[in-house]
PDB file of all heavy atoms in Angstrom:
ATOM      1  N   LYS A   1      11.487   1.656-189.037  1.00  0.00           N
ATOM      2  CA  LYS A   1      10.726   2.727-189.695  1.00  0.00           C
ATOM      3  C   LYS A   1       9.699   2.146-190.666  1.00  0.00           C
ATOM      4  O   LYS A   1       8.578   2.623-190.753  1.00  0.00           O
ATOM      5  CB  LYS A   1      11.662   3.696-190.435  1.00  0.00           C
ATOM      6  CG  LYS A   1      12.244   4.753-189.563  1.00  0.00           C
ATOM      7  CD  LYS A   1      11.152   5.634-189.024  1.00  0.00           C
ATOM      8  CE  LYS A   1      11.689   6.723-188.144  1.00  0.00           C
ATOM      9  NZ  LYS A   1      10.641   7.430-187.433  1.00  0.00           N
ATOM     10  N   GLU A   2      10.099   1.107-191.392  1.00  0.00           N
ATOM     11  CA  GLU A   2       9.163   0.472-192.329  1.00  0.00           C
ATOM     12  C   GLU A   2       8.014  -0.186-191.568  1.00  0.00           C
ATOM     13  O   GLU A   2       6.853  -0.052-191.950  1.00  0.00           O
ATOM     14  CB  GLU A   2       9.884  -0.583-193.169  1.00  0.00           C
ATOM     15  CG  GLU A   2       8.963  -1.248-194.168  1.00  0.00           C
ATOM     16  CD  GLU A   2       9.622  -2.405-194.890  1.00  0.00           C
ATOM     17  OE1 GLU A   2      10.864  -2.449-194.983  1.00  0.00           O
ATOM     18  OE2 GLU A   2       8.869  -3.258-195.362  1.00  0.00           O
ATOM     19  N   ALA A   3       8.331  -0.875-190.482  1.00  0.00           N
ATOM     20  CA  ALA A   3       7.298  -1.544-189.685  1.00  0.00           C
ATOM     21  C   ALA A   3       6.356  -0.527-189.056  1.00  0.00           C
ATOM     22  O   ALA A   3       5.151  -0.768-188.944  1.00  0.00           O
ATOM     23  CB  ALA A   3       7.943  -2.408-188.607  1.00  0.00           C
ATOM     24  N   GLU A   4       6.897   0.616-188.675  1.00  0.00           N
ATOM     25  CA  GLU A   4       6.094   1.656-188.039  1.00  0.00           C
ATOM     26  C   GLU A   4       4.927   2.098-188.927  1.00  0.00           C
ATOM     27  O   GLU A   4       3.829   2.373-188.438  1.00  0.00           O
ATOM     28  CB  GLU A   4       6.995   2.854-187.712  1.00  0.00           C
ATOM     29  CG  GLU A   4       6.300   4.009-187.059  1.00  0.00           C
ATOM     30  CD  GLU A   4       7.237   5.186-186.862  1.00  0.00           C
ATOM     31  OE1 GLU A   4       8.467   4.988-186.821  1.00  0.00           O
ATOM     32  OE2 GLU A   4       6.725   6.299-186.761  1.00  0.00           O
ATOM     33  N   MET A   5       5.140   2.114-190.235  1.00  0.00           N
ATOM     34  CA  MET A   5       4.100   2.557-191.169  1.00  0.00           C
ATOM     35  C   MET A   5       2.921   1.581-191.233  1.00  0.00           C
ATOM     36  O   MET A   5       1.834   1.961-191.615  1.00  0.00           O
ATOM     37  CB  MET A   5       4.681   2.729-192.581  1.00  0.00           C
ATOM     38  CG  MET A   5       5.761   3.757-192.672  1.00  0.00           C
ATOM     39  SD  MET A   5       5.133   5.332-192.080  1.00  0.00           S
ATOM     40  CE  MET A   5       6.637   6.136-191.643  1.00  0.00           C
ATOM     41  N   ARG A   6       3.138   0.332-190.835  1.00  0.00           N
ATOM     42  CA  ARG A   6       2.084  -0.674-190.926  1.00  0.00           C
ATOM     43  C   ARG A   6       1.230  -0.756-189.666  1.00  0.00           C
ATOM     44  O   ARG A   6       0.246  -1.481-189.635  1.00  0.00           O
ATOM     45  CB  ARG A   6       2.694  -2.049-191.219  1.00  0.00           C
ATOM     46  CG  ARG A   6       3.347  -2.146-192.583  1.00  0.00           C
ATOM     47  CD  ARG A   6       3.681  -3.575-192.963  1.00  0.00           C
ATOM     48  NE  ARG A   6       4.378  -4.343-191.952  1.00  0.00           N
ATOM     49  CZ  ARG A   6       5.707  -4.420-191.843  1.00  0.00           C
ATOM     50  NH1 ARG A   6       6.479  -3.755-192.681  1.00  0.00           N
ATOM     51  NH2 ARG A   6       6.256  -5.162-190.909  1.00  0.00           N
ATOM     52  N   TYR A   7       1.607  -0.051-188.632  1.00  0.00           N
ATOM     53  CA  TYR A   7       0.891  -0.138-187.361  1.00  0.00           C
ATOM     54  C   TYR A   7       0.354   1.221-186.946  1.00  0.00           C
ATOM     55  O   TYR A   7       0.760   2.258-187.473  1.00  0.00           O
ATOM     56  CB  TYR A   7       1.819  -0.689-186.268  1.00  0.00           C
ATOM     57  CG  TYR A   7       2.188  -2.141-186.468  1.00  0.00           C
ATOM     58  CD1 TYR A   7       3.388  -2.495-187.076  1.00  0.00           C
ATOM     59  CD2 TYR A   7       1.335  -3.149-186.061  1.00  0.00           C
ATOM     60  CE1 TYR A   7       3.725  -3.827-187.277  1.00  0.00           C
ATOM     61  CE2 TYR A   7       1.669  -4.480-186.249  1.00  0.00           C
ATOM     62  CZ  TYR A   7       2.861  -4.812-186.852  1.00  0.00           C
ATOM     63  OH  TYR A   7       3.187  -6.127-187.042  1.00  0.00           O
ATOM     64  N   SER A   8      -0.552   1.203-185.980  1.00  0.00           N
ATOM     65  CA  SER A   8      -1.103   2.449-185.452  1.00  0.00           C
ATOM     66  C   SER A   8      -1.242   2.322-183.932  1.00  0.00           C
ATOM     67  O   SER A   8      -0.972   1.275-183.363  1.00  0.00           O
ATOM     68  CB  SER A   8      -2.469   2.730-186.086  1.00  0.00           C
ATOM     69  OG  SER A   8      -3.380   1.699-185.744  1.00  0.00           O
ATOM     70  N   GLY A   9      -1.673   3.383-183.301  1.00  0.00           N
ATOM     71  CA  GLY A   9      -1.929   3.366-181.867  1.00  0.00           C
ATOM     72  C   GLY A   9      -0.699   3.105-181.032  1.00  0.00           C
ATOM     73  O   GLY A   9       0.413   3.528-181.349  1.00  0.00           O
ATOM     74  N   SER A  10      -0.897   2.364-179.945  1.00  0.00           N
ATOM     75  CA  SER A  10       0.193   2.138-179.002  1.00  0.00           C
ATOM     76  C   SER A  10       1.292   1.264-179.602  1.00  0.00           C
ATOM     77  O   SER A  10       2.453   1.382-179.207  1.00  0.00           O
ATOM     78  CB  SER A  10      -0.338   1.514-177.712  1.00  0.00           C
ATOM     79  OG  SER A  10      -0.969   0.292-177.973  1.00  0.00           O
ATOM     80  N   THR A  11       0.953   0.405-180.565  1.00  0.00           N
ATOM     81  CA  THR A  11       1.993  -0.404-181.213  1.00  0.00           C
ATOM     82  C   THR A  11       2.941   0.503-181.986  1.00  0.00           C
ATOM     83  O   THR A  11       4.166   0.336-181.928  1.00  0.00           O
ATOM     84  CB  THR A  11       1.362  -1.452-182.155  1.00  0.00           C
ATOM     85  OG1 THR A  11       0.470  -2.263-181.397  1.00  0.00           O
ATOM     86  CG2 THR A  11       2.420  -2.316-182.798  1.00  0.00           C
ATOM     87  N   ARG A  12       2.387   1.464-182.686  1.00  0.00           N
ATOM     88  CA  ARG A  12       3.232   2.398-183.441  1.00  0.00           C
ATOM     89  C   ARG A  12       4.114   3.216-182.490  1.00  0.00           C
ATOM     90  O   ARG A  12       5.301   3.418-182.758  1.00  0.00           O
ATOM     91  CB  ARG A  12       2.364   3.320-184.284  1.00  0.00           C
ATOM     92  CG  ARG A  12       3.181   4.269-185.120  1.00  0.00           C
ATOM     93  CD  ARG A  12       2.321   5.083-186.043  1.00  0.00           C
ATOM     94  NE  ARG A  12       3.151   5.958-186.823  1.00  0.00           N
ATOM     95  CZ  ARG A  12       2.736   6.636-187.852  1.00  0.00           C
ATOM     96  NH1 ARG A  12       1.498   6.514-188.249  1.00  0.00           N
ATOM     97  NH2 ARG A  12       3.544   7.424-188.512  1.00  0.00           N
ATOM     98  N   LYS A  13       3.532   3.638-181.378  1.00  0.00           N
ATOM     99  CA  LYS A  13       4.322   4.386-180.399  1.00  0.00           C
ATOM    100  C   LYS A  13       5.451   3.523-179.848  1.00  0.00           C
ATOM    101  O   LYS A  13       6.559   4.008-179.605  1.00  0.00           O
ATOM    102  CB  LYS A  13       3.419   4.878-179.273  1.00  0.00           C
ATOM    103  CG  LYS A  13       2.449   5.937-179.723  1.00  0.00           C
ATOM    104  CD  LYS A  13       1.472   6.276-178.631  1.00  0.00           C
ATOM    105  CE  LYS A  13       0.365   7.132-179.207  1.00  0.00           C
ATOM    106  NZ  LYS A  13      -0.891   6.925-178.543  1.00  0.00           N
ATOM    107  N   GLY A  14       5.168   2.237-179.657  1.00  0.00           N
ATOM    108  CA  GLY A  14       6.195   1.317-179.175  1.00  0.00           C
ATOM    109  C   GLY A  14       7.324   1.156-180.171  1.00  0.00           C
ATOM    110  O   GLY A  14       8.497   1.087-179.790  1.00  0.00           O
ATOM    111  N   ILE A  15       6.985   1.095-181.463  1.00  0.00           N
ATOM    112  CA  ILE A  15       8.020   0.975-182.493  1.00  0.00           C
ATOM    113  C   ILE A  15       8.852   2.253-182.545  1.00  0.00           C
ATOM    114  O   ILE A  15      10.075   2.205-182.681  1.00  0.00           O
ATOM    115  CB  ILE A  15       7.388   0.630-183.863  1.00  0.00           C
ATOM    116  CG1 ILE A  15       6.760  -0.767-183.803  1.00  0.00           C
ATOM    117  CG2 ILE A  15       8.426   0.705-184.972  1.00  0.00           C
ATOM    118  CD1 ILE A  15       5.934  -1.137-185.019  1.00  0.00           C
ATOM    119  N   GLU A  16       8.193   3.409-182.402  1.00  0.00           N
ATOM    120  CA  GLU A  16       8.935   4.671-182.358  1.00  0.00           C
ATOM    121  C   GLU A  16       9.889   4.686-181.161  1.00  0.00           C
ATOM    122  O   GLU A  16      11.037   5.122-181.268  1.00  0.00           O
ATOM    123  CB  GLU A  16       7.968   5.851-182.253  1.00  0.00           C
ATOM    124  CG  GLU A  16       7.147   6.096-183.499  1.00  0.00           C
ATOM    125  CD  GLU A  16       6.085   7.169-183.302  1.00  0.00           C
ATOM    126  OE1 GLU A  16       5.856   7.600-182.145  1.00  0.00           O
ATOM    127  OE2 GLU A  16       5.477   7.564-184.296  1.00  0.00           O
ATOM    128  N   ALA A  17       9.412   4.178-180.023  1.00  0.00           N
ATOM    129  CA  ALA A  17      10.252   4.137-178.823  1.00  0.00           C
ATOM    130  C   ALA A  17      11.413   3.155-179.018  1.00  0.00           C
ATOM    131  O   ALA A  17      12.541   3.434-178.599  1.00  0.00           O
ATOM    132  CB  ALA A  17       9.417   3.757-177.606  1.00  0.00           C
ATOM    133  N   LEU A  18      11.157   2.014-179.660  1.00  0.00           N
ATOM    134  CA  LEU A  18      12.238   1.069-179.971  1.00  0.00           C
ATOM    135  C   LEU A  18      13.293   1.730-180.848  1.00  0.00           C
ATOM    136  O   LEU A  18      14.495   1.538-180.653  1.00  0.00           O
ATOM    137  CB  LEU A  18      11.682  -0.162-180.693  1.00  0.00           C
ATOM    138  CG  LEU A  18      11.087  -1.256-179.827  1.00  0.00           C
ATOM    139  CD1 LEU A  18      10.381  -2.279-180.702  1.00  0.00           C
ATOM    140  CD2 LEU A  18      12.161  -1.919-178.999  1.00  0.00           C
ATOM    141  N   TYR A  19      12.845   2.492-181.820  1.00  0.00           N
ATOM    142  CA  TYR A  19      13.750   3.217-182.715  1.00  0.00           C
ATOM    143  C   TYR A  19      14.663   4.130-181.893  1.00  0.00           C
ATOM    144  O   TYR A  19      15.888   4.134-182.074  1.00  0.00           O
ATOM    145  CB  TYR A  19      12.922   4.015-183.721  1.00  0.00           C
ATOM    146  CG  TYR A  19      13.728   4.770-184.744  1.00  0.00           C
ATOM    147  CD1 TYR A  19      14.093   4.159-185.942  1.00  0.00           C
ATOM    148  CD2 TYR A  19      14.128   6.079-184.528  1.00  0.00           C
ATOM    149  CE1 TYR A  19      14.830   4.842-186.890  1.00  0.00           C
ATOM    150  CE2 TYR A  19      14.870   6.771-185.469  1.00  0.00           C
ATOM    151  CZ  TYR A  19      15.210   6.141-186.658  1.00  0.00           C
ATOM    152  OH  TYR A  19      15.945   6.820-187.597  1.00  0.00           O
ATOM    153  N   LEU A  20      14.052   4.885-180.989  1.00  0.00           N
ATOM    154  CA  LEU A  20      14.846   5.806-180.173  1.00  0.00           C
ATOM    155  C   LEU A  20      15.772   5.056-179.204  1.00  0.00           C
ATOM    156  O   LEU A  20      16.881   5.504-178.926  1.00  0.00           O
ATOM    157  CB  LEU A  20      13.926   6.762-179.417  1.00  0.00           C
ATOM    158  CG  LEU A  20      13.231   7.788-180.313  1.00  0.00           C
ATOM    159  CD1 LEU A  20      12.169   8.538-179.544  1.00  0.00           C
ATOM    160  CD2 LEU A  20      14.240   8.747-180.920  1.00  0.00           C
ATOM    161  N   LYS A  21      15.313   3.915-178.707  1.00  0.00           N
ATOM    162  CA  LYS A  21      16.182   3.107-177.839  1.00  0.00           C
ATOM    163  C   LYS A  21      17.383   2.596-178.619  1.00  0.00           C
ATOM    164  O   LYS A  21      18.487   2.531-178.082  1.00  0.00           O
ATOM    165  CB  LYS A  21      15.396   1.951-177.222  1.00  0.00           C
ATOM    166  CG  LYS A  21      14.471   2.455-176.111  1.00  0.00           C
ATOM    167  CD  LYS A  21      14.042   1.420-175.147  1.00  0.00           C
ATOM    168  CE  LYS A  21      15.106   0.772-174.394  1.00  0.00           C
ATOM    169  NZ  LYS A  21      15.171   1.062-172.979  1.00  0.00           N
ATOM    170  N   CYS A  22      17.182   2.247-179.891  1.00  0.00           N
ATOM    171  CA  CYS A  22      18.306   1.822-180.734  1.00  0.00           C
ATOM    172  C   CYS A  22      19.305   2.955-180.926  1.00  0.00           C
ATOM    173  O   CYS A  22      20.489   2.714-181.169  1.00  0.00           O
ATOM    174  CB  CYS A  22      17.814   1.326-182.094  1.00  0.00           C
ATOM    175  SG  CYS A  22      17.014  -0.279-182.028  1.00  0.00           S
ATOM    176  N   LEU A  23      18.825   4.180-180.835  1.00  0.00           N
ATOM    177  CA  LEU A  23      19.710   5.339-180.948  1.00  0.00           C
ATOM    178  C   LEU A  23      20.395   5.659-179.618  1.00  0.00           C
ATOM    179  O   LEU A  23      21.194   6.593-179.543  1.00  0.00           O
ATOM    180  CB  LEU A  23      18.932   6.557-181.443  1.00  0.00           C
ATOM    181  CG  LEU A  23      18.419   6.492-182.873  1.00  0.00           C
ATOM    182  CD1 LEU A  23      17.574   7.722-183.204  1.00  0.00           C
ATOM    183  CD2 LEU A  23      19.570   6.366-183.862  1.00  0.00           C
ATOM    184  N   GLY A  24      20.034   4.910-178.551  1.00  0.00           N
ATOM    185  CA  GLY A  24      20.709   5.089-177.273  1.00  0.00           C
ATOM    186  C   GLY A  24      19.933   5.846-176.225  1.00  0.00           C
ATOM    187  O   GLY A  24      20.472   6.142-175.154  1.00  0.00           O
ATOM    188  N   HIS A  25      18.681   6.182-176.481  1.00  0.00           N
ATOM    189  CA  HIS A  25      17.891   6.922-175.494  1.00  0.00           C
ATOM    190  C   HIS A  25      17.273   5.975-174.483  1.00  0.00           C
ATOM    191  O   HIS A  25      17.007   4.814-174.783  1.00  0.00           O
ATOM    192  CB  HIS A  25      16.797   7.736-176.185  1.00  0.00           C
ATOM    193  CG  HIS A  25      17.343   8.784-177.094  1.00  0.00           C
ATOM    194  ND1 HIS A  25      17.920   9.938-176.637  1.00  0.00           N
ATOM    195  CD2 HIS A  25      17.425   8.834-178.446  1.00  0.00           C
ATOM    196  CE1 HIS A  25      18.313  10.664-177.665  1.00  0.00           C
ATOM    197  NE2 HIS A  25      18.033  10.012-178.785  1.00  0.00           N
ATOM    198  N   THR A  26      17.027   6.472-173.294  1.00  0.00           N
ATOM    199  CA  THR A  26      16.409   5.662-172.241  1.00  0.00           C
ATOM    200  C   THR A  26      14.897   5.845-172.266  1.00  0.00           C
ATOM    201  O   THR A  26      14.382   6.806-172.852  1.00  0.00           O
ATOM    202  CB  THR A  26      16.933   6.074-170.857  1.00  0.00           C
ATOM    203  OG1 THR A  26      16.498   7.416-170.587  1.00  0.00           O
ATOM    204  CG2 THR A  26      18.452   5.993-170.777  1.00  0.00           C
ATOM    205  N   ASN A  27      14.201   4.933-171.590  1.00  0.00           N
ATOM    206  CA  ASN A  27      12.749   5.067-171.468  1.00  0.00           C
ATOM    207  C   ASN A  27      12.380   6.383-170.794  1.00  0.00           C
ATOM    208  O   ASN A  27      11.392   7.018-171.150  1.00  0.00           O
ATOM    209  CB  ASN A  27      12.162   3.906-170.659  1.00  0.00           C
ATOM    210  CG  ASN A  27      12.097   2.622-171.435  1.00  0.00           C
ATOM    211  OD1 ASN A  27      12.521   2.563-172.594  1.00  0.00           O
ATOM    212  ND2 ASN A  27      11.579   1.585-170.816  1.00  0.00           N
ATOM    213  N   THR A  28      13.166   6.799-169.829  1.00  0.00           N
ATOM    214  CA  THR A  28      12.900   8.042-169.104  1.00  0.00           C
ATOM    215  C   THR A  28      12.982   9.250-170.038  1.00  0.00           C
ATOM    216  O   THR A  28      12.140  10.149-169.980  1.00  0.00           O
ATOM    217  CB  THR A  28      13.887   8.199-167.935  1.00  0.00           C
ATOM    218  OG1 THR A  28      13.829   7.015-167.130  1.00  0.00           O
ATOM    219  CG2 THR A  28      13.558   9.398-167.092  1.00  0.00           C
ATOM    220  N   GLU A  29      14.001   9.265-170.900  1.00  0.00           N
ATOM    221  CA  GLU A  29      14.135  10.378-171.853  1.00  0.00           C
ATOM    222  C   GLU A  29      12.967  10.393-172.836  1.00  0.00           C
ATOM    223  O   GLU A  29      12.411  11.457-173.140  1.00  0.00           O
ATOM    224  CB  GLU A  29      15.445  10.247-172.629  1.00  0.00           C
ATOM    225  CG  GLU A  29      16.680  10.458-171.787  1.00  0.00           C
ATOM    226  CD  GLU A  29      17.962  10.100-172.525  1.00  0.00           C
ATOM    227  OE1 GLU A  29      17.918   9.270-173.465  1.00  0.00           O
ATOM    228  OE2 GLU A  29      19.012  10.657-172.161  1.00  0.00           O
ATOM    229  N   ILE A  30      12.599   9.216-173.337  1.00  0.00           N
ATOM    230  CA  ILE A  30      11.494   9.120-174.291  1.00  0.00           C
ATOM    231  C   ILE A  30      10.190   9.547-173.615  1.00  0.00           C
ATOM    232  O   ILE A  30       9.393  10.289-174.183  1.00  0.00           O
ATOM    233  CB  ILE A  30      11.387   7.691-174.862  1.00  0.00           C
ATOM    234  CG1 ILE A  30      12.660   7.338-175.638  1.00  0.00           C
ATOM    235  CG2 ILE A  30      10.165   7.553-175.761  1.00  0.00           C
ATOM    236  CD1 ILE A  30      12.805   5.861-175.974  1.00  0.00           C
TER     237      ILE A  30
END
């Protein structure tokens, strides 16, 4: 979450997706 604030664009979306993957979601769900 802290790293997400320092980035924008597709990198930020990737960090958000990593966050959700850490919560157990799949790429398909995201």
